Protein backbone atom coordinates (compact mmCIF):
# COMPACT_ATOMS: atom_id res chain seq x y z
CA MET A 1 4.82 10.96 10.59
CA SER A 2 4.67 12.08 13.89
CA ARG A 3 1.42 12.18 15.90
CA ALA A 4 1.29 15.90 16.06
CA GLY A 5 0.79 15.88 11.70
CA HIS A 6 -2.54 13.62 12.81
CA ARG A 7 -6.11 15.11 13.73
CA ALA A 8 -9.02 13.19 13.93
CA GLU A 9 -12.25 15.35 12.20
CA ARG A 10 -16.15 14.07 13.36
CA LEU A 11 -18.30 13.25 10.83
CA VAL A 12 -21.35 15.33 9.78
CA ASP A 13 -23.85 13.98 12.34
CA ALA A 14 -27.13 13.85 10.14
CA ALA A 15 -29.63 11.74 8.64
CA ASP A 16 -29.16 12.55 4.70
CA ALA A 17 -26.58 15.03 4.50
CA ARG A 18 -25.57 15.05 1.03
CA LEU A 19 -25.45 18.47 0.23
CA PRO A 20 -23.66 21.53 1.54
CA VAL A 21 -26.03 23.05 3.56
CA VAL A 22 -23.81 23.52 7.13
CA GLU A 23 -20.13 23.23 7.15
CA GLY A 24 -18.66 22.48 10.50
CA GLY A 25 -15.62 23.36 12.12
CA SER A 26 -12.52 25.16 10.51
CA LEU A 27 -11.29 24.53 6.85
CA LEU A 28 -8.03 25.04 7.98
CA ARG A 29 -8.27 21.91 10.76
CA LYS A 30 -10.29 19.64 7.66
CA ALA A 31 -8.24 16.36 8.03
CA PHE A 32 -7.28 14.61 4.90
CA PRO A 33 -5.72 10.93 4.23
CA GLU A 34 -2.57 9.99 3.62
CA HIS A 35 -2.09 6.63 1.52
CA TRP A 36 -1.05 7.68 -2.29
CA SER A 37 -4.38 6.61 -4.01
CA PHE A 38 -6.35 9.73 -2.57
CA PHE A 39 -4.22 12.12 -4.13
CA LEU A 40 -5.16 10.59 -7.99
CA GLY A 41 -7.60 12.88 -8.57
CA GLU A 42 -5.15 15.79 -7.22
CA ILE A 43 -2.71 14.53 -9.61
CA ALA A 44 -6.32 15.21 -12.24
CA LEU A 45 -6.99 18.84 -10.95
CA TYR A 46 -3.38 19.93 -11.56
CA SER A 47 -3.20 18.66 -14.99
CA LEU A 48 -6.57 20.32 -16.18
CA LEU A 49 -4.71 23.48 -14.20
CA VAL A 50 -1.64 23.05 -17.03
CA LEU A 51 -3.96 22.05 -19.84
CA VAL A 52 -5.87 25.59 -18.83
CA LEU A 53 -2.32 27.87 -18.38
CA THR A 54 -1.45 26.43 -21.64
CA GLY A 55 -4.65 26.39 -23.47
CA VAL A 56 -5.02 29.95 -23.28
CA TRP A 57 -1.26 31.30 -24.54
CA LEU A 58 -2.24 28.97 -26.98
CA THR A 59 -5.50 30.75 -28.43
CA PHE A 60 -2.99 34.16 -28.82
CA PHE A 61 -1.71 32.08 -31.74
CA PHE A 62 -3.97 29.48 -33.09
CA GLN A 63 -6.60 30.32 -36.14
CA PRO A 64 -9.33 28.66 -36.23
CA GLU A 65 -10.32 29.13 -40.01
CA MET A 66 -10.62 26.76 -42.65
CA ARG A 67 -10.09 28.71 -45.14
CA GLU A 68 -7.26 27.85 -48.13
CA VAL A 69 -3.87 29.31 -47.36
CA VAL A 70 0.10 28.03 -49.42
CA TYR A 71 2.31 27.97 -46.28
CA THR A 72 5.27 29.65 -46.89
CA GLY A 73 6.83 29.15 -43.58
CA PRO A 74 10.15 27.35 -42.52
CA TYR A 75 9.35 23.45 -42.88
CA THR A 76 10.33 22.94 -46.16
CA PRO A 77 8.44 19.30 -47.10
CA LEU A 78 4.96 21.26 -46.96
CA ARG A 79 6.51 24.98 -48.51
CA GLY A 80 4.11 25.86 -51.30
CA VAL A 81 1.92 23.17 -50.18
CA ARG A 82 -2.19 24.36 -49.88
CA MET A 83 -3.72 23.85 -46.65
CA SER A 84 -6.81 25.21 -43.95
CA ALA A 85 -5.04 28.33 -41.71
CA ALA A 86 -5.71 26.15 -39.02
CA PHE A 87 -3.36 23.88 -40.12
CA ASP A 88 -0.91 26.61 -41.29
CA SER A 89 -1.60 28.13 -37.68
CA THR A 90 0.09 25.16 -35.48
CA LEU A 91 2.71 25.20 -37.73
CA HIS A 92 3.47 28.37 -37.44
CA ILE A 93 3.00 27.51 -33.70
CA SER A 94 5.16 24.95 -33.64
CA PHE A 95 8.06 26.16 -35.83
CA ASP A 96 8.20 30.17 -35.73
CA VAL A 97 7.19 30.85 -31.95
CA ARG A 98 9.58 30.27 -29.52
CA GLY A 99 8.59 27.95 -27.23
CA GLY A 100 5.77 27.17 -28.98
CA LEU A 101 6.73 23.50 -29.37
CA LEU A 102 6.83 22.79 -26.09
CA MET A 103 3.45 24.92 -24.88
CA ARG A 104 1.48 22.52 -27.37
CA GLN A 105 2.80 19.11 -26.55
CA THR A 106 2.76 20.16 -23.03
CA HIS A 107 -1.04 20.65 -23.51
CA HIS A 108 -1.55 17.45 -25.76
CA TRP A 109 0.33 15.45 -22.28
CA ALA A 110 -1.31 17.66 -19.97
CA ALA A 111 -4.39 16.30 -21.66
CA LEU A 112 -3.32 12.71 -21.61
CA VAL A 113 -2.41 12.53 -17.94
CA PHE A 114 -5.93 14.58 -16.66
CA VAL A 115 -7.73 11.94 -18.50
CA GLY A 116 -5.70 9.19 -17.00
CA ALA A 117 -6.22 10.38 -13.68
CA ILE A 118 -9.56 10.63 -13.79
CA GLY A 119 -9.85 6.98 -15.15
CA LEU A 120 -7.55 5.81 -12.13
CA HIS A 121 -9.36 8.27 -9.41
CA MET A 122 -12.48 6.46 -10.63
CA LEU A 123 -11.42 3.11 -10.32
CA ARG A 124 -10.44 3.78 -6.98
CA ILE A 125 -13.17 5.32 -5.31
CA PHE A 126 -15.05 1.82 -7.45
CA PHE A 127 -13.21 -0.47 -5.97
CA THR A 128 -12.80 0.86 -2.61
CA GLY A 129 -16.79 1.41 -2.71
CA ALA A 130 -16.24 4.91 -2.60
CA PHE A 131 -19.47 6.06 -4.21
CA ARG A 132 -21.56 4.52 -1.75
CA ARG A 133 -24.08 6.62 0.51
CA PRO A 134 -23.69 9.58 1.04
CA ARG A 135 -21.53 9.99 -1.90
CA GLU A 136 -23.40 8.96 -5.27
CA LEU A 137 -23.71 12.57 -6.03
CA ASN A 138 -20.10 12.74 -5.99
CA TRP A 139 -19.95 9.22 -8.08
CA VAL A 140 -22.46 11.18 -10.91
CA ILE A 141 -20.64 14.47 -11.24
CA GLY A 142 -17.30 12.50 -11.52
CA LEU A 143 -18.54 9.98 -14.45
CA THR A 144 -19.55 13.12 -15.95
CA LEU A 145 -16.28 15.38 -16.22
CA PHE A 146 -14.79 11.77 -17.27
CA VAL A 147 -17.19 12.01 -20.24
CA ILE A 148 -16.85 15.91 -21.21
CA SER A 149 -13.31 14.67 -21.01
CA LEU A 150 -13.12 12.48 -23.68
CA ALA A 151 -15.31 14.90 -25.48
CA GLU A 152 -12.72 18.13 -24.66
CA GLY A 153 -9.97 16.13 -25.72
CA PHE A 154 -11.50 14.65 -29.18
CA ALA A 155 -13.00 18.27 -29.84
CA GLY A 156 -8.95 19.54 -29.07
CA TYR A 157 -7.36 16.92 -30.59
CA SER A 158 -9.53 17.29 -34.07
CA LEU A 159 -8.56 21.44 -34.08
CA PRO A 160 -5.09 21.38 -36.24
CA ASP A 161 -6.86 20.11 -39.04
CA ASP A 162 -4.06 17.51 -40.03
CA LEU A 163 -4.41 14.37 -42.21
CA LEU A 164 -4.71 11.90 -38.66
CA SER A 165 -7.34 14.31 -36.77
CA GLY A 166 -9.49 15.02 -40.42
CA THR A 167 -9.05 10.82 -40.80
CA GLY A 168 -10.85 11.08 -36.78
CA LEU A 169 -13.42 13.51 -37.98
CA ARG A 170 -14.32 11.45 -40.70
CA ILE A 171 -15.17 8.76 -38.47
CA ALA A 172 -17.32 11.27 -36.53
CA HIS A 173 -19.47 12.56 -39.63
CA GLY A 174 -20.12 8.48 -40.11
CA ILE A 175 -20.63 7.87 -36.85
CA MET A 176 -23.24 10.89 -36.33
CA LEU A 177 -24.73 9.67 -40.16
CA SER A 178 -25.93 6.05 -38.08
CA ILE A 179 -28.10 7.91 -36.28
CA PRO A 180 -31.35 6.62 -37.10
CA VAL A 181 -33.82 9.51 -38.66
CA VAL A 182 -31.96 12.95 -37.60
CA GLY A 183 -28.23 11.54 -38.73
CA THR A 184 -27.64 13.24 -42.08
CA TYR A 185 -29.41 16.72 -39.72
CA VAL A 186 -26.89 16.30 -37.37
CA ALA A 187 -24.19 15.79 -39.58
CA PHE A 188 -24.88 18.82 -41.88
CA PHE A 189 -25.37 21.22 -39.08
CA ALA A 190 -21.58 19.90 -37.15
CA PHE A 191 -19.62 19.94 -40.27
CA GLY A 192 -21.82 22.79 -42.52
CA GLY A 193 -22.76 20.99 -45.66
CA GLN A 194 -21.81 18.00 -47.04
CA PHE A 195 -18.27 16.32 -45.37
CA PRO A 196 -15.93 17.58 -45.19
CA GLY A 197 -17.89 21.34 -44.56
CA HIS A 198 -16.45 24.74 -43.73
CA ASP A 199 -17.22 25.24 -40.37
CA ILE A 200 -16.26 22.09 -38.35
CA ILE A 201 -13.98 23.48 -36.75
CA THR A 202 -14.95 26.92 -36.19
CA ARG A 203 -17.70 25.35 -34.34
CA LEU A 204 -14.93 22.86 -32.22
CA TYR A 205 -12.84 25.83 -31.25
CA PRO A 206 -15.57 27.60 -28.96
CA ALA A 207 -16.61 24.21 -28.01
CA HIS A 208 -13.13 23.51 -26.83
CA ILE A 209 -11.94 26.96 -24.96
CA LEU A 210 -15.18 28.30 -23.68
CA LEU A 211 -18.06 25.64 -23.60
CA LEU A 212 -16.58 22.08 -22.12
CA PRO A 213 -13.79 24.01 -20.30
CA GLY A 214 -16.37 25.98 -18.85
CA VAL A 215 -18.62 23.16 -17.94
CA LEU A 216 -15.49 21.02 -16.55
CA VAL A 217 -14.38 24.01 -14.03
CA ALA A 218 -18.38 24.19 -12.54
CA LEU A 219 -18.18 20.56 -12.38
CA VAL A 220 -14.85 20.59 -10.28
CA THR A 221 -15.86 22.85 -8.18
CA VAL A 222 -19.08 22.20 -6.95
CA HIS A 223 -17.11 17.88 -6.98
CA LEU A 224 -14.52 19.40 -4.32
CA ILE A 225 -17.14 21.34 -2.54
CA LEU A 226 -18.95 18.30 -1.90
CA VAL A 227 -15.58 16.69 -1.08
CA PHE A 228 -15.30 18.86 1.47
CA HIS A 229 -18.36 18.72 3.05
CA LEU A 230 -19.04 15.03 3.13
CA LYS A 231 -15.63 14.66 4.59
CA HIS A 232 -13.05 11.63 2.62
CA THR A 233 -13.52 7.93 3.58
CA GLN A 234 -10.39 6.19 4.97
CA TRP A 235 -9.36 3.27 5.79
CA ARG A 236 -10.37 0.83 8.11
CA GLY A 237 -7.66 0.94 10.94
CA PRO A 238 -6.87 1.90 14.95
CA GLY A 239 -8.82 4.63 15.55
CA ARG A 240 -10.63 4.72 11.90
CA THR A 241 -14.47 4.93 12.84
CA GLN A 242 -17.68 5.50 10.42
CA ARG A 243 -18.06 8.92 12.71
CA ASN A 244 -14.22 10.42 12.34
CA VAL A 245 -11.20 11.18 9.90
CA ILE A 246 -7.60 10.71 10.74
CA GLY A 247 -5.18 11.95 8.40
CA LYS A 248 -3.74 15.30 8.02
CA PRO A 249 -5.08 18.62 8.78
CA LEU A 250 -5.51 21.15 5.37
CA PHE A 251 -2.82 23.73 7.01
CA PRO A 252 0.14 23.00 7.05
CA GLN A 253 1.04 19.78 6.61
CA PHE A 254 -2.16 18.43 3.73
CA THR A 255 -0.82 21.75 2.20
CA ALA A 256 2.77 21.44 1.99
CA THR A 257 1.90 18.16 0.74
CA SER A 258 -0.38 19.29 -2.27
CA THR A 259 2.05 21.63 -3.11
CA GLY A 260 4.42 19.45 -3.63
CA LEU A 261 2.06 16.91 -5.94
CA ALA A 262 1.33 20.23 -7.85
CA LEU A 263 5.01 21.32 -8.49
CA THR A 264 5.53 17.31 -9.48
CA VAL A 265 2.61 17.60 -11.88
CA PHE A 266 4.02 20.64 -13.95
CA GLY A 267 7.90 19.07 -14.27
CA VAL A 268 7.12 15.69 -15.69
CA THR A 269 4.18 17.35 -17.79
CA VAL A 270 6.78 19.62 -19.18
CA LEU A 271 9.84 17.31 -19.49
CA LEU A 272 7.56 14.66 -21.34
CA SER A 273 6.54 17.40 -23.08
CA GLY A 274 10.95 18.22 -23.55
CA LEU A 275 12.10 14.67 -24.63
CA ALA A 276 9.21 13.01 -25.68
CA GLN A 277 7.22 13.51 -28.76
CA VAL A 278 3.69 13.49 -29.66
CA ASN A 279 1.37 14.61 -32.49
CA PRO A 280 3.34 15.10 -34.40
CA VAL A 281 1.48 17.07 -37.08
CA TRP A 282 3.87 18.34 -39.79
CA THR A 283 4.63 14.54 -40.91
CA TYR A 284 1.29 14.10 -41.49
CA GLY A 285 0.53 16.82 -43.86
CA PRO A 286 -3.08 18.99 -44.29
CA TYR A 287 -6.38 17.40 -44.05
CA ARG A 288 -7.23 16.20 -47.53
CA PRO A 289 -10.38 14.05 -48.00
CA ASP A 290 -8.85 11.68 -50.54
CA LEU A 291 -6.43 10.53 -48.23
CA VAL A 292 -5.96 8.85 -45.28
CA SER A 293 -2.97 8.38 -42.75
CA THR A 294 -1.58 5.19 -42.63
CA GLY A 295 -1.84 3.18 -39.11
CA SER A 296 -3.96 6.47 -37.43
CA GLN A 297 -4.14 5.25 -34.43
CA PRO A 298 -6.07 7.99 -31.85
CA ASP A 299 -5.78 9.51 -28.16
CA TRP A 300 -5.85 6.41 -26.05
CA TYR A 301 -8.72 7.28 -24.29
CA VAL A 302 -11.18 6.96 -27.49
CA GLY A 303 -9.81 4.03 -28.63
CA PHE A 304 -12.28 1.73 -27.08
CA LEU A 305 -14.33 3.27 -29.65
CA GLU A 306 -12.22 2.90 -32.66
CA GLY A 307 -11.97 -1.02 -31.91
CA ALA A 308 -15.50 -1.26 -31.36
CA LEU A 309 -15.77 0.13 -34.66
CA ARG A 310 -13.07 -2.81 -36.38
CA LEU A 311 -14.30 -5.66 -34.49
CA VAL A 312 -18.59 -5.53 -35.39
CA PRO A 313 -18.98 -6.92 -38.96
CA PRO A 314 -20.59 -5.18 -41.88
CA TRP A 315 -24.27 -4.88 -40.95
CA GLU A 316 -26.69 -3.10 -42.46
CA THR A 317 -30.24 -3.46 -42.75
CA ASN A 318 -32.75 -1.58 -45.10
CA ILE A 319 -35.69 -0.35 -43.90
CA ALA A 320 -38.29 1.98 -46.20
CA GLY A 321 -35.23 2.80 -48.70
CA HIS A 322 -33.51 3.75 -44.99
CA THR A 323 -30.34 1.89 -44.31
CA LEU A 324 -29.55 0.92 -40.63
CA MET A 325 -25.47 1.20 -40.17
CA TRP A 326 -25.46 -1.31 -37.27
CA ASN A 327 -21.50 -1.88 -37.53
CA VAL A 328 -21.37 2.25 -36.87
CA LEU A 329 -24.60 2.72 -34.98
CA LEU A 330 -23.77 -0.70 -32.06
CA PRO A 331 -20.21 0.09 -31.35
CA ALA A 332 -20.16 3.85 -31.90
CA VAL A 333 -23.87 5.07 -30.31
CA VAL A 334 -25.25 1.72 -28.46
CA LEU A 335 -22.09 0.37 -26.60
CA PRO A 336 -20.92 3.49 -24.98
CA GLY A 337 -24.40 4.43 -23.88
CA LEU A 338 -25.07 1.79 -21.96
CA LEU A 339 -21.56 1.38 -20.75
CA PHE A 340 -21.63 4.58 -19.01
CA ALA A 341 -25.55 4.06 -18.33
CA ALA A 342 -25.06 1.43 -16.25
CA LEU A 343 -21.72 3.37 -14.59
CA TYR A 344 -24.42 6.14 -13.35
CA ALA A 345 -26.78 3.14 -12.23
CA TYR A 346 -24.51 1.18 -10.07
CA PRO A 347 -23.93 2.83 -7.21
CA PHE A 348 -28.03 2.68 -6.69
CA VAL A 349 -28.15 -0.89 -7.97
CA GLU A 350 -26.04 -2.29 -5.60
CA GLN A 351 -26.87 -0.62 -2.20
CA ARG A 352 -30.45 -1.44 -3.13
CA LEU A 353 -29.41 -4.82 -3.62
CA THR A 354 -26.59 -5.24 -0.91
CA GLY A 355 -29.28 -3.59 1.18
CA GLU A 356 -26.00 -0.58 2.17
CA TRP A 357 -29.16 2.64 1.00
CA HIS A 358 -30.14 3.01 4.64
CA ARG A 359 -27.03 3.78 5.96
CA GLU A 360 -23.36 5.73 5.73
CA GLN A 361 -20.72 4.35 4.48
CA HIS A 362 -17.05 6.45 5.26
CA LEU A 363 -14.87 3.87 5.43
CA CYS A 364 -13.07 2.12 2.43
CA ASP A 365 -13.86 -1.78 1.00
CA ARG A 366 -10.57 -3.58 0.31
CA PRO A 367 -11.16 -5.02 -3.28
CA ARG A 368 -10.26 -9.13 -2.30
CA GLU A 369 -13.59 -8.09 0.69
CA ARG A 370 -15.95 -7.54 -2.74
CA PRO A 371 -15.40 -10.40 -4.95
CA VAL A 372 -18.70 -9.74 -6.65
CA ARG A 373 -17.71 -5.82 -7.08
CA THR A 374 -14.23 -6.38 -7.84
CA GLY A 375 -15.22 -8.96 -10.44
CA LEU A 376 -16.95 -6.84 -12.36
CA GLY A 377 -14.64 -4.16 -12.35
CA VAL A 378 -11.69 -6.41 -13.29
CA ALA A 379 -13.73 -7.69 -16.28
CA GLY A 380 -15.16 -4.37 -17.86
CA THR A 381 -11.50 -3.13 -17.44
CA VAL A 382 -10.54 -6.12 -19.53
CA PHE A 383 -13.43 -5.22 -22.12
CA TYR A 384 -12.21 -2.37 -22.69
CA ALA A 385 -8.60 -4.19 -22.65
CA VAL A 386 -9.61 -6.09 -25.41
CA LEU A 387 -11.16 -3.17 -27.18
CA LEU A 388 -8.14 -0.66 -26.96
CA LEU A 389 -6.25 -3.85 -28.67
CA ALA A 390 -8.68 -4.08 -31.21
CA GLY A 391 -7.93 -0.17 -32.14
CA GLY A 392 -4.64 -0.73 -33.25
CA ASN A 393 -5.41 -4.94 -34.56
CA ASP A 394 -3.70 -3.34 -38.38
CA ILE A 395 -0.10 -2.06 -36.44
CA ILE A 396 -0.25 -5.54 -34.27
CA ALA A 397 -0.65 -7.55 -37.24
CA LEU A 398 2.04 -5.66 -39.40
CA THR A 399 4.40 -6.01 -36.54
CA PHE A 400 4.27 -9.31 -34.81
CA ARG A 401 3.32 -10.71 -39.07
CA VAL A 402 -0.52 -12.24 -38.19
CA SER A 403 -3.22 -12.60 -40.47
CA LEU A 404 -5.22 -9.70 -39.41
CA ASP A 405 -8.36 -11.34 -40.01
CA ALA A 406 -7.39 -13.47 -37.75
CA LEU A 407 -6.24 -11.78 -35.23
CA THR A 408 -9.79 -10.02 -35.30
CA TRP A 409 -11.47 -13.19 -35.27
CA VAL A 410 -9.69 -13.63 -32.14
CA LEU A 411 -10.47 -10.02 -30.32
CA ARG A 412 -14.12 -10.81 -31.57
CA VAL A 413 -13.86 -14.24 -29.46
CA ALA A 414 -11.73 -11.79 -26.45
CA LEU A 415 -14.35 -9.16 -26.16
CA VAL A 416 -17.04 -12.18 -25.29
CA VAL A 417 -14.68 -14.64 -23.45
CA ALA A 418 -12.06 -12.65 -21.24
CA PRO A 419 -14.39 -10.83 -19.32
CA VAL A 420 -16.23 -13.30 -18.21
CA LEU A 421 -12.87 -15.67 -17.31
CA ALA A 422 -11.77 -12.42 -15.50
CA PHE A 423 -14.63 -12.28 -13.77
CA LEU A 424 -15.07 -15.83 -12.62
CA VAL A 425 -10.63 -15.99 -12.07
CA THR A 426 -11.05 -12.73 -9.98
CA ARG A 427 -13.98 -13.65 -7.83
CA TRP A 428 -12.09 -17.46 -7.05
CA LEU A 429 -8.59 -14.94 -6.27
CA CYS A 430 -10.59 -12.48 -3.94
CA ARG A 431 -12.21 -15.66 -1.71
CA ALA A 432 -9.15 -17.01 -1.64
CA LEU A 433 -6.94 -14.25 -0.29
CA THR A 434 -9.34 -13.38 2.32
CA ARG A 435 -9.18 -17.43 3.70
CA ALA A 436 -5.38 -17.25 3.78
CA GLU A 437 -5.51 -13.60 5.06
CA GLY A 438 -8.22 -15.05 8.26
CA GLU A 439 -6.01 -17.92 8.34
CA ARG A 440 -2.73 -15.60 8.73
CA LEU A 441 -4.48 -14.13 11.56
CA ALA A 442 -5.20 -17.27 13.76
CA ALA A 443 -2.28 -19.44 13.24
CA GLY A 444 0.39 -16.52 13.18
CA VAL A 445 3.28 -15.80 10.53
CA PRO A 446 6.12 -18.70 10.53
CA THR A 447 9.49 -17.64 11.96
CA GLY A 448 11.05 -20.41 10.25
CA GLU A 449 11.88 -22.84 13.50
CA ILE A 450 11.55 -25.68 14.12
CA ARG A 451 10.43 -26.84 17.30
CA GLN A 452 9.77 -30.25 18.88
CA ASN A 453 6.79 -30.48 21.20
CA VAL A 454 6.01 -33.20 23.74
CA ALA A 455 5.00 -36.50 21.84
CA GLY A 456 8.69 -36.24 19.91
CA GLY A 457 6.92 -34.67 16.56
CA TYR A 458 8.30 -31.30 15.10
CA GLU A 459 6.36 -28.46 14.22
CA ASP A 460 7.11 -24.52 12.62
CA ASP A 461 7.37 -21.93 15.22
CA HIS A 462 4.41 -19.03 14.42
CA GLU A 463 4.46 -15.88 15.68
CA PRO A 464 1.42 -12.80 16.12
CA VAL A 465 0.93 -10.67 13.23
CA GLN A 466 2.70 -7.84 13.15
CA SER A 467 2.20 -6.04 9.62
CA PHE A 468 -1.15 -4.78 8.31
CA ARG A 469 -1.72 -3.51 5.26
CA PRO A 470 -4.02 -0.40 4.41
CA GLY A 471 -7.54 -1.64 6.12
CA ALA A 472 -7.12 -4.85 7.06
CA PRO A 473 -9.04 -6.86 9.33
CA ARG A 474 -6.57 -6.31 12.87
CA ARG A 475 -8.13 -8.83 15.95
CA PRO A 476 -6.76 -10.23 19.11
CA LEU A 477 -4.80 -12.98 18.80
CA THR A 478 -5.46 -15.39 21.39
CA VAL A 479 -2.98 -18.88 21.31
CA ALA A 480 -0.22 -19.76 18.39
CA ARG A 481 0.77 -23.21 17.44
CA THR A 482 3.36 -23.89 19.70
CA GLY A 483 0.99 -22.90 22.84
CA THR A 484 2.81 -19.76 23.84
CA PRO A 485 0.51 -17.16 24.12
CA ALA A 486 0.30 -15.11 21.81
CA ARG A 487 0.42 -10.79 22.95
CA PRO A 488 -0.96 -9.25 19.42
CA ARG A 489 1.07 -5.36 18.65
CA ARG A 490 -1.49 -2.62 19.65
CA GLU A 491 -0.68 0.22 17.56
CA PRO A 492 -0.48 3.30 19.19
CA GLU A 493 -4.12 5.64 18.16
CA ARG A 494 -3.61 8.43 16.90
CA PRO A 495 -5.16 11.19 19.33
CA ALA A 496 -8.19 13.36 18.10
CA ARG A 497 -7.59 16.92 18.46
């Protein structure tokens, strides 16, 4: 990238500039960082655009009704079978409407990419400390977007009323019933009566196409406004300070890059939809309350909830004639609630403990420089991974021909032990990497040459470090081991225009 493709942008000089009250400078000259990790949020944005476009198209053909009909379409194995109008219209989209199956699968793949991109974007924000002042509000908004995207994905996943999604609705019904005191009322209202009810699809549909998307779009808009106002964080490096942003200007360099990324997201999503089958509802058949699909697995983003339900033993307590189902309440209500509450509170707690709450932070941390935070992040990721594996414990046991009970107990132990070990190992590794990096900067890089010193001994030759990763420390080097003065390479600073 030439120097002309970069510019420095001054940050807002205010004591507490958290909200977009005043926006200085020209919008077209706003600087954007160039590192690939900063594009994860854009992938989520363009996946949302694919979701909106394909979702609008699907609404022209989908019928959100639970009235019973007899299938008379072209798919022979289900011809003459009684099913809901919702499932019948899903089959109609898949087999009768030109391009219908491609649009259905594009919508589904875009949903998977959307949630995944948000999750990776949040991990990048967490590990680099980009949630600190003045961006705490944007962290809260981003985490809320993630929670709503989970609910939106589950609602859309349940609309076809096939046997697999019906199994998920049965689990959701059980989770509602596990809530003390009000659980039965919540379940009765949601399903319109005793399970399976007659209203759940008609109530999920407006939530899926109007309520939740409206909240998503509103939060994304506020999120982007705050990003533009607060400016981007950036890796440390030559010319980068707490008071500027160095990168591509919005127009034309960043606009061209972002447009290329958008087209790539569209193309890859459609390519996946044409080559990789997802959610073939016709193989599951219509939902029946007396059947459960064999080897049923939810989409990956709710797999952790399925795993938590499978790992908790069947604990129940009877109090005054009321039964508390701890095996459902703890993993499906209490655990997610505590998890997201901790994520919401983390930026404020960390800044109080480290004393950083009173000053703004615009430079990214490298994960190795924050061993405790990185250890907590890796421990949480391992905790999630164990739950995700537990969500498919029956498939794993069948595939590898091991005992399902033994595997369940192994995963129960791993759920407690593995995150602790991950934290300790990660913290040690971060400290070791930081220490090795300091030694490398001080001693230089081995050249592979051996020299004989005046005393007759031999020692290897070193040269100053000349390549640096984003955010790596760079300080002037003094003398290498050979006694030759080391001349550190100075990278030219990009001019601020």
